[in-house]
């Protein structure tokens, strides 16, 4: 464990989290455990912040707050569904225009951040919102992106053969949705130091069973 913490001194860090599904307490806990600093770290938030129950929508306020501090966010399929519903509401949720303005994907020097994946053979500028937020098999089992490692979520990693709560590595791809929606784990990934911070989302031990793993 001491060797792991020694690695934490390597900053600035690139951090990413996806598929929070309303687990605001888990998000705040993992950022605290990882000693997240907006001044020295770049945080990427990869969508599905909310779920069907309206009490999960408060997570959007925290996502907007984090972005005001310097984080970068993209929407998931849950946010696009929410936006479609909000369009018919006379009074919009305070975060409506914030979510509406989010990009479908974000490129950095080494990574491409997207909620679900991209359609192979299609230029990035031509990728659709549906594919970026819902695609699975056409993306998961094709050749990797030529220039960047793709960091994504949407598909729980256990469905790809990883142990429950563990991230999944493919060739040129890393899936970080460790099943928070399905009562497994919520994970914050440190791409710089190859560390994963996670907590349980099971009702009987919600936000307990903290882990820091190397990968």
N, C-alpha and C. Protein backbone atom coordinates (compact mmCIF):
# COMPACT_ATOMS: atom_id res chain seq x y z
N UNK A 1 0.83 -1.21 0.00
CA UNK A 1 0.00 0.00 0.00
C UNK A 1 0.86 1.26 0.00
N UNK A 2 2.00 1.24 0.71
CA UNK A 2 2.85 2.42 0.75
C UNK A 2 3.39 2.75 -0.63
N UNK A 3 3.70 1.73 -1.44
CA UNK A 3 4.19 1.98 -2.79
C UNK A 3 3.12 2.64 -3.64
N UNK A 4 1.87 2.24 -3.43
CA UNK A 4 0.78 2.86 -4.16
C UNK A 4 0.69 4.35 -3.82
N UNK A 5 0.77 4.68 -2.55
CA UNK A 5 0.65 6.07 -2.16
C UNK A 5 1.84 6.91 -2.62
N UNK A 6 3.01 6.29 -2.76
CA UNK A 6 4.15 7.02 -3.30
C UNK A 6 3.86 7.48 -4.72
N UNK A 7 3.13 6.66 -5.47
CA UNK A 7 2.81 7.02 -6.84
C UNK A 7 1.86 8.21 -6.92
N UNK A 8 1.16 8.47 -5.83
CA UNK A 8 0.19 9.56 -5.84
C UNK A 8 0.86 10.92 -5.97
N UNK A 9 2.16 10.99 -5.75
CA UNK A 9 2.85 12.27 -5.84
C UNK A 9 3.05 12.71 -7.29
N UNK A 10 2.79 11.82 -8.24
CA UNK A 10 2.94 12.18 -9.65
C UNK A 10 1.74 13.01 -10.10
N UNK A 11 1.97 14.27 -10.26
CA UNK A 11 0.93 15.19 -10.71
C UNK A 11 1.51 16.10 -11.79
N UNK A 12 0.69 16.69 -12.65
CA UNK A 12 -0.77 16.62 -12.64
C UNK A 12 -1.27 15.25 -13.06
N UNK A 13 -2.46 14.92 -12.60
CA UNK A 13 -3.06 13.63 -12.92
C UNK A 13 -4.24 13.79 -13.87
N UNK A 14 -4.47 12.76 -14.64
CA UNK A 14 -5.68 12.67 -15.46
C UNK A 14 -6.59 11.66 -14.79
N UNK A 15 -7.76 12.11 -14.34
CA UNK A 15 -8.72 11.27 -13.63
C UNK A 15 -10.00 11.16 -14.46
N UNK A 16 -10.67 10.02 -14.34
CA UNK A 16 -11.92 9.84 -15.08
C UNK A 16 -12.89 8.97 -14.28
N UNK A 17 -14.18 9.27 -14.42
CA UNK A 17 -15.22 8.49 -13.78
C UNK A 17 -16.44 8.48 -14.69
N UNK A 18 -17.17 7.38 -14.70
CA UNK A 18 -18.33 7.25 -15.57
C UNK A 18 -19.45 6.52 -14.85
N UNK A 19 -20.67 6.68 -15.36
CA UNK A 19 -21.82 5.90 -14.90
C UNK A 19 -22.02 5.98 -13.39
N UNK A 20 -22.21 7.20 -12.92
CA UNK A 20 -22.43 7.45 -11.50
C UNK A 20 -23.84 7.05 -11.08
N UNK A 21 -24.80 7.25 -11.96
CA UNK A 21 -26.20 6.84 -11.76
C UNK A 21 -26.78 7.32 -10.42
N UNK A 22 -26.53 8.59 -10.12
CA UNK A 22 -27.12 9.17 -8.93
C UNK A 22 -26.37 8.95 -7.64
N UNK A 23 -25.26 8.24 -7.69
CA UNK A 23 -24.49 7.97 -6.47
C UNK A 23 -23.59 9.16 -6.15
N UNK A 24 -24.22 10.27 -5.82
CA UNK A 24 -23.50 11.51 -5.53
C UNK A 24 -22.57 11.34 -4.34
N UNK A 25 -23.03 10.63 -3.31
CA UNK A 25 -22.18 10.40 -2.14
C UNK A 25 -20.93 9.62 -2.49
N UNK A 26 -21.06 8.66 -3.38
CA UNK A 26 -19.91 7.89 -3.81
C UNK A 26 -18.93 8.73 -4.61
N UNK A 27 -19.45 9.59 -5.48
CA UNK A 27 -18.59 10.48 -6.26
C UNK A 27 -17.78 11.38 -5.35
N UNK A 28 -18.44 12.02 -4.40
CA UNK A 28 -17.74 12.93 -3.49
C UNK A 28 -16.71 12.19 -2.65
N UNK A 29 -17.06 11.00 -2.22
CA UNK A 29 -16.13 10.21 -1.40
C UNK A 29 -14.87 9.86 -2.18
N UNK A 30 -15.03 9.38 -3.40
CA UNK A 30 -13.87 8.96 -4.19
C UNK A 30 -12.97 10.14 -4.54
N UNK A 31 -13.56 11.29 -4.84
CA UNK A 31 -12.74 12.47 -5.11
C UNK A 31 -11.95 12.88 -3.86
N UNK A 32 -12.57 12.73 -2.70
CA UNK A 32 -11.89 13.06 -1.45
C UNK A 32 -10.76 12.07 -1.17
N UNK A 33 -11.03 10.79 -1.32
CA UNK A 33 -10.02 9.77 -1.05
C UNK A 33 -8.83 9.93 -2.00
N UNK A 34 -9.12 10.32 -3.24
CA UNK A 34 -8.05 10.51 -4.22
C UNK A 34 -7.34 11.85 -4.07
N UNK A 35 -7.77 12.66 -3.10
CA UNK A 35 -7.20 14.01 -2.89
C UNK A 35 -7.27 14.83 -4.17
N UNK A 36 -8.42 14.80 -4.82
CA UNK A 36 -8.60 15.53 -6.07
C UNK A 36 -8.42 17.02 -5.86
N UNK A 37 -7.62 17.62 -6.74
CA UNK A 37 -7.38 19.06 -6.70
C UNK A 37 -7.63 19.64 -8.09
N UNK A 38 -8.63 20.49 -8.24
CA UNK A 38 -8.88 21.10 -9.55
C UNK A 38 -7.69 21.90 -10.08
N UNK A 39 -6.83 22.35 -9.17
CA UNK A 39 -5.69 23.16 -9.58
C UNK A 39 -4.59 22.33 -10.24
N UNK A 40 -4.49 21.06 -9.86
CA UNK A 40 -3.39 20.24 -10.38
C UNK A 40 -3.85 19.00 -11.14
N UNK A 41 -5.12 18.66 -11.07
CA UNK A 41 -5.63 17.46 -11.74
C UNK A 41 -6.63 17.84 -12.83
N UNK A 42 -6.69 17.02 -13.87
CA UNK A 42 -7.74 17.18 -14.88
C UNK A 42 -8.72 16.03 -14.74
N UNK A 43 -9.95 16.36 -14.42
CA UNK A 43 -11.00 15.36 -14.20
C UNK A 43 -11.94 15.31 -15.40
N UNK A 44 -12.19 14.08 -15.87
CA UNK A 44 -13.13 13.86 -16.96
C UNK A 44 -14.32 13.07 -16.44
N UNK A 45 -15.51 13.56 -16.74
CA UNK A 45 -16.76 12.96 -16.28
C UNK A 45 -17.51 12.45 -17.50
N UNK A 46 -17.78 11.12 -17.54
CA UNK A 46 -18.17 10.49 -18.79
C UNK A 46 -19.64 10.11 -18.91
N UNK A 47 -20.51 10.78 -18.19
CA UNK A 47 -21.93 10.60 -18.43
C UNK A 47 -22.65 9.60 -17.56
N UNK A 48 -23.97 9.55 -17.76
CA UNK A 48 -24.89 8.78 -16.91
C UNK A 48 -24.71 9.16 -15.45
N UNK A 49 -24.84 10.45 -15.21
CA UNK A 49 -24.75 10.98 -13.84
C UNK A 49 -26.03 10.70 -13.06
N UNK A 50 -27.14 10.59 -13.79
CA UNK A 50 -28.44 10.43 -13.17
C UNK A 50 -29.06 9.09 -13.55
N UNK A 51 -30.21 8.80 -12.96
CA UNK A 51 -31.00 7.64 -13.33
C UNK A 51 -32.46 8.07 -13.35
N UNK A 52 -33.37 7.11 -13.43
CA UNK A 52 -34.78 7.46 -13.56
C UNK A 52 -35.34 8.25 -12.36
N UNK A 53 -35.06 7.87 -11.13
CA UNK A 53 -35.65 8.62 -10.00
C UNK A 53 -35.21 10.08 -10.00
N UNK A 54 -36.17 10.97 -9.78
CA UNK A 54 -35.87 12.41 -9.80
C UNK A 54 -34.88 12.82 -8.72
N UNK A 55 -34.79 12.04 -7.64
CA UNK A 55 -33.87 12.43 -6.58
C UNK A 55 -32.41 12.24 -6.98
N UNK A 56 -32.16 11.62 -8.14
CA UNK A 56 -30.78 11.49 -8.62
C UNK A 56 -30.35 12.72 -9.42
N UNK A 57 -31.31 13.58 -9.77
CA UNK A 57 -31.00 14.72 -10.63
C UNK A 57 -30.09 15.73 -9.95
N UNK A 58 -30.05 15.72 -8.62
CA UNK A 58 -29.17 16.65 -7.91
C UNK A 58 -27.71 16.42 -8.26
N UNK A 59 -27.40 15.22 -8.75
CA UNK A 59 -26.03 14.93 -9.17
C UNK A 59 -25.58 15.90 -10.26
N UNK A 60 -26.51 16.33 -11.10
CA UNK A 60 -26.17 17.26 -12.18
C UNK A 60 -25.64 18.58 -11.64
N UNK A 61 -26.16 19.02 -10.51
CA UNK A 61 -25.67 20.26 -9.91
C UNK A 61 -24.20 20.13 -9.52
N UNK A 62 -23.83 18.96 -8.99
CA UNK A 62 -22.44 18.73 -8.61
C UNK A 62 -21.55 18.64 -9.85
N UNK A 63 -22.04 18.00 -10.91
CA UNK A 63 -21.26 17.91 -12.14
C UNK A 63 -21.00 19.30 -12.71
N UNK A 64 -22.02 20.14 -12.69
CA UNK A 64 -21.84 21.51 -13.18
C UNK A 64 -20.85 22.27 -12.30
N UNK A 65 -20.92 22.07 -11.00
CA UNK A 65 -19.99 22.72 -10.08
C UNK A 65 -18.55 22.27 -10.36
N UNK A 66 -18.36 20.98 -10.57
CA UNK A 66 -17.02 20.46 -10.86
C UNK A 66 -16.48 21.05 -12.16
N UNK A 67 -17.36 21.21 -13.15
CA UNK A 67 -16.93 21.78 -14.42
C UNK A 67 -16.55 23.25 -14.28
N UNK A 68 -17.25 23.96 -13.43
CA UNK A 68 -16.89 25.36 -13.18
C UNK A 68 -15.51 25.47 -12.54
N UNK A 69 -15.10 24.40 -11.84
CA UNK A 69 -13.77 24.36 -11.22
C UNK A 69 -12.69 23.88 -12.18
N UNK A 70 -13.09 23.37 -13.35
CA UNK A 70 -12.09 22.95 -14.32
C UNK A 70 -12.25 21.54 -14.87
N UNK A 71 -13.19 20.76 -14.35
CA UNK A 71 -13.43 19.42 -14.89
C UNK A 71 -14.06 19.53 -16.27
N UNK A 72 -14.03 18.43 -17.01
CA UNK A 72 -14.65 18.37 -18.33
C UNK A 72 -15.67 17.24 -18.33
N UNK A 73 -16.85 17.48 -18.91
CA UNK A 73 -17.92 16.50 -18.86
C UNK A 73 -18.54 16.27 -20.23
N UNK A 74 -19.07 15.07 -20.41
CA UNK A 74 -19.84 14.72 -21.60
C UNK A 74 -21.13 14.05 -21.14
N UNK A 75 -22.16 14.00 -21.97
CA UNK A 75 -23.40 13.36 -21.55
C UNK A 75 -23.41 11.87 -21.82
N UNK A 76 -24.25 11.16 -21.06
CA UNK A 76 -24.52 9.76 -21.34
C UNK A 76 -25.93 9.64 -21.90
N UNK A 77 -26.35 8.42 -22.16
CA UNK A 77 -27.70 8.22 -22.67
C UNK A 77 -28.76 8.68 -21.67
N UNK A 78 -28.47 8.57 -20.37
CA UNK A 78 -29.45 9.02 -19.37
C UNK A 78 -29.68 10.53 -19.46
N UNK A 79 -28.62 11.27 -19.71
CA UNK A 79 -28.77 12.73 -19.82
C UNK A 79 -29.52 13.11 -21.10
N UNK A 80 -29.27 12.39 -22.20
CA UNK A 80 -29.99 12.70 -23.43
C UNK A 80 -31.48 12.40 -23.29
N UNK A 81 -31.80 11.31 -22.60
CA UNK A 81 -33.21 11.00 -22.34
C UNK A 81 -33.84 12.08 -21.45
N UNK A 82 -33.08 12.52 -20.47
CA UNK A 82 -33.54 13.56 -19.55
C UNK A 82 -33.77 14.87 -20.28
N UNK A 83 -32.85 15.23 -21.19
CA UNK A 83 -33.01 16.45 -21.97
C UNK A 83 -34.28 16.41 -22.81
N UNK A 84 -34.54 15.25 -23.42
CA UNK A 84 -35.74 15.11 -24.25
C UNK A 84 -37.00 15.30 -23.42
N UNK A 85 -36.98 14.78 -22.19
CA UNK A 85 -38.13 14.95 -21.31
C UNK A 85 -38.26 16.40 -20.84
N UNK A 86 -37.13 17.02 -20.55
CA UNK A 86 -37.15 18.40 -20.06
C UNK A 86 -37.67 19.38 -21.11
N UNK A 87 -37.49 19.05 -22.38
CA UNK A 87 -37.95 19.93 -23.45
C UNK A 87 -39.45 20.17 -23.38
N UNK A 88 -40.17 19.21 -22.81
CA UNK A 88 -41.63 19.31 -22.73
C UNK A 88 -42.10 19.93 -21.41
N UNK A 89 -41.14 20.27 -20.54
CA UNK A 89 -41.49 20.85 -19.25
C UNK A 89 -41.55 22.37 -19.35
N UNK A 90 -42.57 22.95 -18.79
CA UNK A 90 -42.70 24.41 -18.83
C UNK A 90 -41.58 25.09 -18.05
N UNK A 91 -41.22 24.49 -16.91
CA UNK A 91 -40.12 25.01 -16.11
C UNK A 91 -38.95 24.04 -16.20
N UNK A 92 -37.85 24.50 -16.73
CA UNK A 92 -36.68 23.64 -16.93
C UNK A 92 -35.89 23.49 -15.63
N UNK A 93 -35.27 22.33 -15.47
CA UNK A 93 -34.35 22.10 -14.35
C UNK A 93 -33.18 23.08 -14.46
N UNK A 94 -32.64 23.56 -13.33
CA UNK A 94 -31.53 24.53 -13.38
C UNK A 94 -30.32 24.06 -14.20
N UNK A 95 -30.11 22.75 -14.30
CA UNK A 95 -28.95 22.25 -15.03
C UNK A 95 -29.24 21.97 -16.50
N UNK A 96 -30.44 22.26 -16.95
CA UNK A 96 -30.85 21.90 -18.32
C UNK A 96 -29.89 22.47 -19.37
N UNK A 97 -29.63 23.75 -19.31
CA UNK A 97 -28.81 24.38 -20.35
C UNK A 97 -27.34 23.97 -20.24
N UNK A 98 -26.91 23.67 -19.03
CA UNK A 98 -25.55 23.15 -18.85
C UNK A 98 -25.41 21.81 -19.56
N UNK A 99 -26.32 20.90 -19.32
CA UNK A 99 -26.26 19.56 -19.93
C UNK A 99 -26.42 19.67 -21.44
N UNK A 100 -27.30 20.53 -21.88
CA UNK A 100 -27.55 20.70 -23.31
C UNK A 100 -26.29 21.13 -24.06
N UNK A 101 -25.40 21.85 -23.39
CA UNK A 101 -24.21 22.36 -24.04
C UNK A 101 -23.00 21.45 -23.98
N UNK A 102 -23.14 20.26 -23.40
CA UNK A 102 -21.99 19.36 -23.28
C UNK A 102 -21.63 18.73 -24.62
N UNK A 103 -20.33 18.54 -24.90
CA UNK A 103 -19.91 17.87 -26.14
C UNK A 103 -20.12 16.37 -26.03
N UNK A 104 -20.23 15.69 -27.17
CA UNK A 104 -20.44 14.24 -27.17
C UNK A 104 -19.17 13.47 -26.82
N UNK A 105 -18.02 14.06 -27.07
CA UNK A 105 -16.75 13.40 -26.76
C UNK A 105 -15.70 14.47 -26.54
N UNK A 106 -14.60 14.07 -25.92
CA UNK A 106 -13.49 14.99 -25.66
C UNK A 106 -12.19 14.30 -26.05
N UNK A 107 -11.35 15.01 -26.78
CA UNK A 107 -10.03 14.50 -27.14
C UNK A 107 -8.96 15.17 -26.28
N UNK A 108 -8.00 14.38 -25.83
CA UNK A 108 -6.79 14.93 -25.23
C UNK A 108 -5.61 14.39 -26.04
N UNK A 109 -4.42 14.66 -25.62
CA UNK A 109 -3.25 14.22 -26.37
C UNK A 109 -3.23 12.70 -26.53
N UNK A 110 -3.51 11.98 -25.45
CA UNK A 110 -3.38 10.53 -25.47
C UNK A 110 -4.70 9.77 -25.42
N UNK A 111 -5.80 10.46 -25.12
CA UNK A 111 -7.06 9.76 -24.87
C UNK A 111 -8.22 10.39 -25.65
N UNK A 112 -9.21 9.53 -25.91
CA UNK A 112 -10.50 9.97 -26.41
C UNK A 112 -11.53 9.55 -25.37
N UNK A 113 -12.23 10.50 -24.80
CA UNK A 113 -13.22 10.23 -23.76
C UNK A 113 -14.62 10.28 -24.39
N UNK A 114 -15.39 9.21 -24.20
CA UNK A 114 -16.73 9.13 -24.76
C UNK A 114 -17.56 8.24 -23.85
N UNK A 115 -18.87 8.44 -23.82
CA UNK A 115 -19.67 7.66 -22.88
C UNK A 115 -19.71 6.18 -23.21
N UNK A 116 -20.08 5.83 -24.45
CA UNK A 116 -20.26 4.42 -24.79
C UNK A 116 -19.25 3.91 -25.80
N UNK A 117 -18.82 4.75 -26.72
CA UNK A 117 -17.90 4.33 -27.76
C UNK A 117 -18.14 5.11 -29.03
N UNK A 118 -17.53 4.66 -30.12
CA UNK A 118 -17.69 5.31 -31.42
C UNK A 118 -17.95 4.24 -32.47
N UNK A 119 -18.60 4.65 -33.55
CA UNK A 119 -18.87 3.71 -34.64
C UNK A 119 -17.63 3.59 -35.51
N UNK A 120 -17.11 2.38 -35.68
CA UNK A 120 -15.90 2.18 -36.48
C UNK A 120 -16.09 2.65 -37.93
N UNK A 121 -15.04 3.25 -38.47
CA UNK A 121 -15.06 3.67 -39.86
C UNK A 121 -15.72 5.00 -40.12
N UNK A 122 -16.21 5.65 -39.07
CA UNK A 122 -16.88 6.94 -39.21
C UNK A 122 -15.99 8.03 -38.60
N UNK A 123 -15.80 9.12 -39.32
CA UNK A 123 -15.00 10.22 -38.79
C UNK A 123 -15.64 10.77 -37.52
N UNK A 124 -14.81 11.27 -36.62
CA UNK A 124 -15.31 11.75 -35.34
C UNK A 124 -16.36 12.85 -35.53
N UNK A 125 -16.17 13.72 -36.47
CA UNK A 125 -17.12 14.81 -36.67
C UNK A 125 -18.49 14.32 -37.14
N UNK A 126 -18.53 13.07 -37.62
CA UNK A 126 -19.79 12.51 -38.12
C UNK A 126 -20.41 11.50 -37.16
N UNK A 127 -19.81 11.30 -36.00
CA UNK A 127 -20.38 10.39 -35.01
C UNK A 127 -21.71 10.95 -34.51
N UNK A 128 -22.70 10.07 -34.32
CA UNK A 128 -24.01 10.52 -33.86
C UNK A 128 -24.11 10.47 -32.35
N UNK A 129 -25.05 11.23 -31.82
CA UNK A 129 -25.29 11.22 -30.37
C UNK A 129 -25.70 9.83 -29.91
N UNK A 130 -26.50 9.14 -30.70
CA UNK A 130 -26.95 7.80 -30.33
C UNK A 130 -25.78 6.85 -30.21
N UNK A 131 -24.87 6.86 -31.19
CA UNK A 131 -23.72 5.97 -31.13
C UNK A 131 -22.79 6.32 -29.97
N UNK A 132 -22.51 7.59 -29.78
CA UNK A 132 -21.59 8.00 -28.72
C UNK A 132 -22.10 7.63 -27.33
N UNK A 133 -23.42 7.51 -27.19
CA UNK A 133 -23.98 7.26 -25.86
C UNK A 133 -24.57 5.88 -25.67
N UNK A 134 -24.72 5.08 -26.74
CA UNK A 134 -25.36 3.76 -26.57
C UNK A 134 -24.65 2.61 -27.26
N UNK A 135 -23.69 2.87 -28.12
CA UNK A 135 -23.09 1.80 -28.92
C UNK A 135 -22.40 0.76 -28.04
N UNK A 136 -22.43 -0.49 -28.50
CA UNK A 136 -21.73 -1.56 -27.78
C UNK A 136 -20.94 -2.41 -28.76
N UNK A 137 -21.51 -3.51 -29.22
CA UNK A 137 -20.74 -4.49 -29.98
C UNK A 137 -20.01 -3.95 -31.21
N UNK A 138 -20.61 -3.11 -32.03
CA UNK A 138 -19.83 -2.65 -33.19
C UNK A 138 -18.54 -1.96 -32.80
N UNK A 139 -18.53 -1.38 -31.61
CA UNK A 139 -17.34 -0.69 -31.12
C UNK A 139 -16.42 -1.59 -30.32
N UNK A 140 -17.00 -2.40 -29.45
CA UNK A 140 -16.21 -3.16 -28.49
C UNK A 140 -15.29 -4.19 -29.14
N UNK A 141 -15.70 -4.73 -30.27
CA UNK A 141 -14.95 -5.85 -30.84
C UNK A 141 -14.35 -5.52 -32.20
N UNK A 142 -13.93 -4.28 -32.36
CA UNK A 142 -13.24 -3.87 -33.59
C UNK A 142 -11.87 -3.32 -33.23
N UNK A 143 -11.08 -3.03 -34.26
CA UNK A 143 -9.73 -2.53 -34.04
C UNK A 143 -9.75 -1.22 -33.26
N UNK A 144 -8.70 -0.95 -32.50
CA UNK A 144 -8.67 0.26 -31.67
C UNK A 144 -8.51 1.53 -32.50
N UNK A 145 -8.77 2.64 -31.85
CA UNK A 145 -8.53 3.96 -32.44
C UNK A 145 -7.05 4.10 -32.74
N UNK A 146 -6.70 4.66 -33.87
CA UNK A 146 -5.30 4.70 -34.29
C UNK A 146 -4.43 5.63 -33.45
N UNK A 147 -4.99 6.72 -32.98
CA UNK A 147 -4.17 7.74 -32.34
C UNK A 147 -4.28 7.78 -30.82
N UNK A 148 -5.43 7.40 -30.28
CA UNK A 148 -5.67 7.59 -28.85
C UNK A 148 -6.30 6.36 -28.22
N UNK A 149 -6.02 6.16 -26.93
CA UNK A 149 -6.73 5.15 -26.15
C UNK A 149 -8.12 5.70 -25.82
N UNK A 150 -9.14 4.88 -26.04
CA UNK A 150 -10.52 5.32 -25.79
C UNK A 150 -10.92 4.95 -24.37
N UNK A 151 -11.32 5.94 -23.61
CA UNK A 151 -11.82 5.74 -22.25
C UNK A 151 -13.33 5.88 -22.30
N UNK A 152 -14.05 4.85 -21.85
CA UNK A 152 -15.50 4.85 -22.00
C UNK A 152 -16.17 4.12 -20.85
N UNK A 153 -17.50 4.15 -20.86
CA UNK A 153 -18.30 3.45 -19.86
C UNK A 153 -19.48 2.79 -20.53
N UNK A 154 -20.66 2.94 -19.96
CA UNK A 154 -21.94 2.46 -20.49
C UNK A 154 -22.13 0.95 -20.36
N UNK A 155 -21.14 0.18 -20.77
CA UNK A 155 -21.22 -1.28 -20.65
C UNK A 155 -20.52 -1.71 -19.37
N UNK A 156 -21.24 -2.27 -18.40
CA UNK A 156 -20.59 -2.71 -17.16
C UNK A 156 -19.46 -3.70 -17.46
N UNK A 157 -18.34 -3.51 -16.80
CA UNK A 157 -17.15 -4.29 -17.13
C UNK A 157 -17.33 -5.79 -16.91
N UNK A 158 -18.20 -6.19 -15.97
CA UNK A 158 -18.38 -7.62 -15.75
C UNK A 158 -19.01 -8.29 -16.96
N UNK A 159 -19.70 -7.52 -17.81
CA UNK A 159 -20.28 -8.09 -19.03
C UNK A 159 -19.21 -8.36 -20.08
N UNK A 160 -18.03 -7.79 -19.88
CA UNK A 160 -16.93 -7.99 -20.81
C UNK A 160 -15.91 -8.99 -20.27
N UNK A 161 -16.22 -9.61 -19.14
CA UNK A 161 -15.35 -10.65 -18.61
C UNK A 161 -14.48 -10.24 -17.45
N UNK A 162 -14.53 -8.98 -17.03
CA UNK A 162 -13.75 -8.56 -15.87
C UNK A 162 -14.41 -9.04 -14.58
N UNK A 163 -13.61 -9.19 -13.54
CA UNK A 163 -14.16 -9.53 -12.24
C UNK A 163 -15.07 -8.39 -11.79
N UNK A 164 -16.14 -8.67 -11.05
CA UNK A 164 -17.05 -7.62 -10.60
C UNK A 164 -16.30 -6.47 -9.91
N UNK A 165 -16.54 -5.26 -10.38
CA UNK A 165 -15.92 -4.09 -9.77
C UNK A 165 -14.56 -3.72 -10.31
N UNK A 166 -14.05 -4.48 -11.30
CA UNK A 166 -12.74 -4.20 -11.88
C UNK A 166 -12.91 -3.53 -13.25
N UNK A 167 -11.99 -2.64 -13.60
CA UNK A 167 -12.04 -2.03 -14.93
C UNK A 167 -11.64 -3.06 -15.98
N UNK A 168 -11.98 -2.77 -17.23
CA UNK A 168 -11.72 -3.70 -18.34
C UNK A 168 -10.74 -3.06 -19.32
N UNK A 169 -9.74 -3.85 -19.73
CA UNK A 169 -8.75 -3.39 -20.71
C UNK A 169 -8.93 -4.17 -22.01
N UNK A 170 -9.15 -3.44 -23.09
CA UNK A 170 -9.09 -4.03 -24.41
C UNK A 170 -7.92 -3.40 -25.14
N UNK A 171 -7.71 -3.77 -26.38
CA UNK A 171 -6.62 -3.18 -27.15
C UNK A 171 -7.01 -1.75 -27.53
N UNK A 172 -6.35 -0.78 -26.92
CA UNK A 172 -6.65 0.61 -27.21
C UNK A 172 -7.94 1.11 -26.59
N UNK A 173 -8.49 0.35 -25.64
CA UNK A 173 -9.75 0.73 -25.01
C UNK A 173 -9.70 0.41 -23.52
N UNK A 174 -10.31 1.26 -22.70
CA UNK A 174 -10.45 1.00 -21.26
C UNK A 174 -11.87 1.34 -20.86
N UNK A 175 -12.58 0.34 -20.33
CA UNK A 175 -13.95 0.53 -19.85
C UNK A 175 -13.90 0.76 -18.34
N UNK A 176 -14.49 1.87 -17.88
CA UNK A 176 -14.42 2.21 -16.46
C UNK A 176 -15.78 2.17 -15.77
N UNK A 177 -16.80 1.62 -16.45
CA UNK A 177 -18.11 1.44 -15.81
C UNK A 177 -18.08 0.14 -15.02
N UNK A 178 -17.85 0.23 -13.73
CA UNK A 178 -17.72 -0.97 -12.90
C UNK A 178 -19.01 -1.36 -12.19
N UNK A 179 -20.14 -0.91 -12.74
CA UNK A 179 -21.42 -1.44 -12.30
C UNK A 179 -22.09 -0.74 -11.14
N UNK A 180 -21.88 0.56 -10.99
CA UNK A 180 -22.53 1.29 -9.88
C UNK A 180 -24.05 1.16 -9.95
N UNK A 181 -24.60 1.20 -11.14
CA UNK A 181 -26.06 1.08 -11.31
C UNK A 181 -26.57 -0.27 -10.84
N UNK A 182 -25.73 -1.29 -10.94
CA UNK A 182 -26.14 -2.66 -10.67
C UNK A 182 -25.67 -3.15 -9.30
N UNK A 183 -25.48 -2.21 -8.38
CA UNK A 183 -25.11 -2.53 -6.99
C UNK A 183 -23.76 -3.23 -6.89
N UNK A 184 -22.84 -2.86 -7.77
CA UNK A 184 -21.49 -3.44 -7.72
C UNK A 184 -20.54 -2.38 -7.16
N UNK A 185 -19.85 -1.60 -8.03
CA UNK A 185 -18.92 -0.59 -7.52
C UNK A 185 -18.90 0.64 -8.42
N UNK A 186 -18.54 1.77 -7.81
CA UNK A 186 -18.29 3.01 -8.52
C UNK A 186 -16.79 3.25 -8.47
N UNK A 187 -16.21 3.60 -9.62
CA UNK A 187 -14.75 3.68 -9.71
C UNK A 187 -14.28 5.00 -10.31
N UNK A 188 -13.30 5.61 -9.66
CA UNK A 188 -12.58 6.78 -10.17
C UNK A 188 -11.21 6.29 -10.61
N UNK A 189 -10.87 6.52 -11.87
CA UNK A 189 -9.62 6.00 -12.43
C UNK A 189 -8.58 7.10 -12.56
N UNK A 190 -7.39 6.83 -12.08
CA UNK A 190 -6.23 7.71 -12.25
C UNK A 190 -5.42 7.15 -13.41
N UNK A 191 -5.54 7.77 -14.58
CA UNK A 191 -4.87 7.27 -15.77
C UNK A 191 -3.38 7.56 -15.75
N UNK A 192 -2.98 8.55 -15.01
CA UNK A 192 -1.56 8.92 -14.92
C UNK A 192 -0.77 7.90 -14.12
N UNK A 193 -1.30 7.50 -12.98
CA UNK A 193 -0.60 6.60 -12.08
C UNK A 193 -1.12 5.17 -12.10
N UNK A 194 -2.09 4.91 -12.99
CA UNK A 194 -2.68 3.58 -13.14
C UNK A 194 -3.22 3.06 -11.81
N UNK A 195 -4.07 3.89 -11.21
CA UNK A 195 -4.73 3.54 -9.96
C UNK A 195 -6.24 3.62 -10.14
N UNK A 196 -6.95 2.79 -9.39
CA UNK A 196 -8.41 2.81 -9.40
C UNK A 196 -8.92 2.93 -7.97
N UNK A 197 -9.70 3.96 -7.71
CA UNK A 197 -10.34 4.17 -6.41
C UNK A 197 -11.79 3.73 -6.56
N UNK A 198 -12.26 2.88 -5.68
CA UNK A 198 -13.64 2.42 -5.84
C UNK A 198 -14.32 2.20 -4.50
N UNK A 199 -15.65 2.25 -4.54
CA UNK A 199 -16.47 1.96 -3.37
C UNK A 199 -17.67 1.14 -3.80
N UNK A 200 -18.24 0.44 -2.86
CA UNK A 200 -19.42 -0.38 -3.14
C UNK A 200 -20.65 0.49 -3.32
N UNK A 201 -21.57 0.04 -4.18
CA UNK A 201 -22.87 0.70 -4.30
C UNK A 201 -23.99 -0.26 -3.90
N UNK A 202 -23.62 -1.40 -3.32
CA UNK A 202 -24.63 -2.33 -2.83
C UNK A 202 -25.37 -1.69 -1.65
N UNK A 203 -26.68 -1.84 -1.56
CA UNK A 203 -27.45 -1.17 -0.49
C UNK A 203 -26.95 -1.47 0.91
N UNK A 204 -26.50 -2.70 1.16
CA UNK A 204 -26.11 -3.07 2.51
C UNK A 204 -24.75 -2.51 2.92
N UNK A 205 -23.94 -2.03 1.98
CA UNK A 205 -22.64 -1.44 2.32
C UNK A 205 -22.33 -0.25 1.41
N UNK A 206 -23.35 0.53 1.15
CA UNK A 206 -23.23 1.65 0.21
C UNK A 206 -22.12 2.61 0.59
N UNK A 207 -21.20 2.82 -0.34
CA UNK A 207 -20.04 3.71 -0.23
C UNK A 207 -19.03 3.22 0.80
N UNK A 208 -19.17 1.97 1.20
CA UNK A 208 -18.16 1.33 2.04
C UNK A 208 -17.26 0.46 1.18
N UNK A 209 -16.50 -0.41 1.82
CA UNK A 209 -15.60 -1.32 1.12
C UNK A 209 -14.69 -0.56 0.15
N UNK A 210 -14.06 0.50 0.65
CA UNK A 210 -13.17 1.30 -0.18
C UNK A 210 -11.95 0.51 -0.63
N UNK A 211 -11.55 0.72 -1.87
CA UNK A 211 -10.36 0.06 -2.40
C UNK A 211 -9.54 1.04 -3.22
N UNK A 212 -8.21 0.83 -3.18
CA UNK A 212 -7.30 1.52 -4.08
C UNK A 212 -6.46 0.43 -4.73
N UNK A 213 -6.65 0.23 -6.02
CA UNK A 213 -5.97 -0.85 -6.73
C UNK A 213 -5.10 -0.31 -7.85
N UNK A 214 -3.97 -0.96 -8.06
CA UNK A 214 -3.17 -0.70 -9.25
C UNK A 214 -3.72 -1.53 -10.40
N UNK A 215 -3.56 -1.03 -11.60
CA UNK A 215 -4.01 -1.79 -12.77
C UNK A 215 -3.01 -1.66 -13.92
